[in-house]
């Protein structure tokens, strides 16, 4: 699964730690999601989308092998 979290963070002048604090996870979790090593739960995905005020489909995209 691809995501644009890093791009959205840059647009919003937000660090990984800032986002982690807003959605109550560790900075390492955000790092793993951005690196494509961890697929977040539906709840976490919705929380992240809410922080950036974007539809969840703008943050996450299925890849062919998903």
N, C-alpha and C. Protein backbone atom coordinates (compact mmCIF):
# COMPACT_ATOMS: atom_id res chain seq x y z
N UNK A 1 0.84 -1.17 0.00
CA UNK A 1 0.00 0.00 0.00
C UNK A 1 0.89 1.24 0.00
N UNK A 2 0.62 2.15 -0.91
CA UNK A 2 1.34 3.41 -0.98
C UNK A 2 0.60 4.46 -0.15
N UNK A 3 1.36 5.45 0.32
CA UNK A 3 0.70 6.53 1.05
C UNK A 3 1.44 7.85 0.79
N UNK A 4 0.73 8.93 1.06
CA UNK A 4 1.29 10.26 0.85
C UNK A 4 1.40 11.04 2.17
N UNK A 5 1.57 10.32 3.25
CA UNK A 5 1.62 10.96 4.56
C UNK A 5 2.80 11.93 4.65
N UNK A 6 3.95 11.53 4.15
CA UNK A 6 5.12 12.39 4.22
C UNK A 6 4.87 13.70 3.47
N UNK A 7 4.22 13.62 2.32
CA UNK A 7 3.89 14.81 1.53
C UNK A 7 2.93 15.71 2.31
N UNK A 8 1.91 15.10 2.90
CA UNK A 8 0.94 15.88 3.68
C UNK A 8 1.59 16.52 4.89
N UNK A 9 2.50 15.81 5.54
CA UNK A 9 3.21 16.39 6.67
C UNK A 9 4.00 17.62 6.24
N UNK A 10 4.68 17.51 5.10
CA UNK A 10 5.45 18.64 4.59
C UNK A 10 4.55 19.83 4.28
N UNK A 11 3.42 19.56 3.67
CA UNK A 11 2.47 20.65 3.35
C UNK A 11 1.99 21.35 4.61
N UNK A 12 1.90 20.58 5.69
CA UNK A 12 1.37 21.11 6.95
C UNK A 12 2.46 21.48 7.95
N UNK A 13 3.73 21.48 7.48
CA UNK A 13 4.85 21.84 8.36
C UNK A 13 4.83 21.03 9.65
N UNK A 14 4.69 19.73 9.51
CA UNK A 14 4.51 18.85 10.66
C UNK A 14 5.59 17.77 10.67
N UNK A 15 6.15 17.50 11.83
CA UNK A 15 7.13 16.43 11.96
C UNK A 15 6.42 15.11 12.20
N UNK A 16 7.18 14.03 12.09
CA UNK A 16 6.60 12.72 12.41
C UNK A 16 6.10 12.72 13.85
N UNK A 17 6.85 13.32 14.75
CA UNK A 17 6.44 13.36 16.15
C UNK A 17 5.16 14.17 16.34
N UNK A 18 5.03 15.29 15.62
CA UNK A 18 3.80 16.09 15.70
C UNK A 18 2.59 15.25 15.31
N UNK A 19 2.71 14.54 14.19
CA UNK A 19 1.59 13.71 13.74
C UNK A 19 1.33 12.58 14.72
N UNK A 20 2.39 11.94 15.19
CA UNK A 20 2.23 10.85 16.16
C UNK A 20 1.48 11.32 17.40
N UNK A 21 1.84 12.49 17.89
CA UNK A 21 1.17 13.04 19.07
C UNK A 21 -0.31 13.30 18.80
N UNK A 22 -0.62 13.77 17.60
CA UNK A 22 -2.02 14.09 17.25
C UNK A 22 -2.90 12.85 17.15
N UNK A 23 -2.30 11.69 16.77
CA UNK A 23 -3.09 10.47 16.59
C UNK A 23 -2.77 9.42 17.65
N UNK A 24 -2.00 9.80 18.66
CA UNK A 24 -1.70 8.94 19.81
C UNK A 24 -0.99 7.64 19.46
N UNK A 25 0.06 7.74 18.66
CA UNK A 25 0.93 6.60 18.37
C UNK A 25 2.37 7.06 18.53
N UNK A 26 3.32 6.16 18.40
CA UNK A 26 4.73 6.54 18.50
C UNK A 26 5.22 7.12 17.17
N UNK A 27 6.30 7.88 17.25
CA UNK A 27 6.92 8.41 16.04
C UNK A 27 7.37 7.27 15.15
N UNK A 28 7.82 6.18 15.75
CA UNK A 28 8.27 5.01 14.99
C UNK A 28 7.13 4.41 14.17
N UNK A 29 5.92 4.47 14.69
CA UNK A 29 4.77 3.96 13.94
C UNK A 29 4.56 4.80 12.68
N UNK A 30 4.62 6.11 12.81
CA UNK A 30 4.46 6.98 11.65
C UNK A 30 5.58 6.71 10.65
N UNK A 31 6.80 6.56 11.14
CA UNK A 31 7.93 6.26 10.27
C UNK A 31 7.70 4.95 9.51
N UNK A 32 7.23 3.92 10.19
CA UNK A 32 6.98 2.62 9.56
C UNK A 32 5.87 2.70 8.51
N UNK A 33 4.84 3.48 8.79
CA UNK A 33 3.74 3.66 7.83
C UNK A 33 4.28 4.36 6.57
N UNK A 34 5.02 5.45 6.77
CA UNK A 34 5.57 6.19 5.63
C UNK A 34 6.51 5.33 4.79
N UNK A 35 7.25 4.46 5.44
CA UNK A 35 8.21 3.60 4.74
C UNK A 35 7.54 2.40 4.08
N UNK A 36 6.25 2.22 4.31
CA UNK A 36 5.53 1.10 3.72
C UNK A 36 5.78 -0.22 4.42
N UNK A 37 6.32 -0.15 5.64
CA UNK A 37 6.60 -1.38 6.40
C UNK A 37 5.45 -1.79 7.29
N UNK A 38 4.50 -0.89 7.48
CA UNK A 38 3.37 -1.15 8.38
C UNK A 38 2.10 -0.59 7.75
N UNK A 39 1.06 -1.39 7.71
CA UNK A 39 -0.24 -0.94 7.20
C UNK A 39 -1.10 -0.59 8.41
N UNK A 40 -1.50 0.67 8.54
CA UNK A 40 -2.26 1.09 9.72
C UNK A 40 -3.67 0.52 9.73
N UNK A 41 -4.23 0.46 10.92
CA UNK A 41 -5.62 0.03 11.07
C UNK A 41 -6.54 1.05 10.41
N UNK A 42 -7.77 0.66 10.23
CA UNK A 42 -8.77 1.57 9.66
C UNK A 42 -8.93 2.80 10.56
N UNK A 43 -8.98 2.56 11.86
CA UNK A 43 -9.16 3.66 12.81
C UNK A 43 -7.99 4.64 12.72
N UNK A 44 -6.77 4.13 12.72
CA UNK A 44 -5.60 5.01 12.63
C UNK A 44 -5.58 5.74 11.29
N UNK A 45 -5.91 5.06 10.23
CA UNK A 45 -5.96 5.70 8.91
C UNK A 45 -6.96 6.86 8.89
N UNK A 46 -8.12 6.64 9.50
CA UNK A 46 -9.13 7.69 9.56
C UNK A 46 -8.67 8.87 10.41
N UNK A 47 -7.98 8.57 11.51
CA UNK A 47 -7.46 9.64 12.37
C UNK A 47 -6.44 10.49 11.61
N UNK A 48 -5.56 9.84 10.87
CA UNK A 48 -4.55 10.58 10.11
C UNK A 48 -5.22 11.45 9.05
N UNK A 49 -6.19 10.89 8.34
CA UNK A 49 -6.92 11.66 7.32
C UNK A 49 -7.62 12.86 7.95
N UNK A 50 -8.15 12.67 9.14
CA UNK A 50 -8.84 13.77 9.83
C UNK A 50 -7.88 14.89 10.20
N UNK A 51 -6.67 14.54 10.63
CA UNK A 51 -5.65 15.54 10.96
C UNK A 51 -5.37 16.42 9.75
N UNK A 52 -5.25 15.80 8.58
CA UNK A 52 -4.91 16.54 7.37
C UNK A 52 -6.13 17.08 6.63
N UNK A 53 -7.32 16.76 7.10
CA UNK A 53 -8.58 17.19 6.49
C UNK A 53 -8.60 16.82 5.01
N UNK A 54 -8.32 15.55 4.73
CA UNK A 54 -8.37 15.02 3.37
C UNK A 54 -9.10 13.68 3.39
N UNK A 55 -9.70 13.30 2.28
CA UNK A 55 -10.31 11.97 2.21
C UNK A 55 -9.23 10.89 2.36
N UNK A 56 -9.58 9.80 2.98
CA UNK A 56 -8.63 8.72 3.22
C UNK A 56 -8.02 8.20 1.92
N UNK A 57 -8.79 8.27 0.83
CA UNK A 57 -8.31 7.81 -0.47
C UNK A 57 -7.17 8.68 -1.00
N UNK A 58 -7.06 9.90 -0.50
CA UNK A 58 -5.94 10.76 -0.91
C UNK A 58 -4.65 10.41 -0.19
N UNK A 59 -4.77 9.73 0.95
CA UNK A 59 -3.59 9.36 1.73
C UNK A 59 -3.08 7.96 1.39
N UNK A 60 -4.01 7.05 1.13
CA UNK A 60 -3.63 5.66 0.93
C UNK A 60 -4.13 5.14 -0.42
N UNK A 61 -3.28 4.35 -1.07
CA UNK A 61 -3.63 3.77 -2.37
C UNK A 61 -3.14 2.31 -2.42
N UNK A 62 -4.04 1.44 -2.81
CA UNK A 62 -3.66 0.03 -2.95
C UNK A 62 -2.74 -0.14 -4.14
N UNK A 63 -1.75 -1.01 -3.97
CA UNK A 63 -0.86 -1.37 -5.08
C UNK A 63 -1.35 -2.67 -5.67
N UNK A 64 -0.85 -3.01 -6.83
CA UNK A 64 -1.33 -4.19 -7.53
C UNK A 64 -1.25 -5.47 -6.71
N UNK A 65 -0.20 -5.64 -5.91
CA UNK A 65 -0.04 -6.86 -5.14
C UNK A 65 -0.83 -6.90 -3.85
N UNK A 66 -1.53 -5.83 -3.51
CA UNK A 66 -2.29 -5.77 -2.24
C UNK A 66 -3.58 -6.54 -2.33
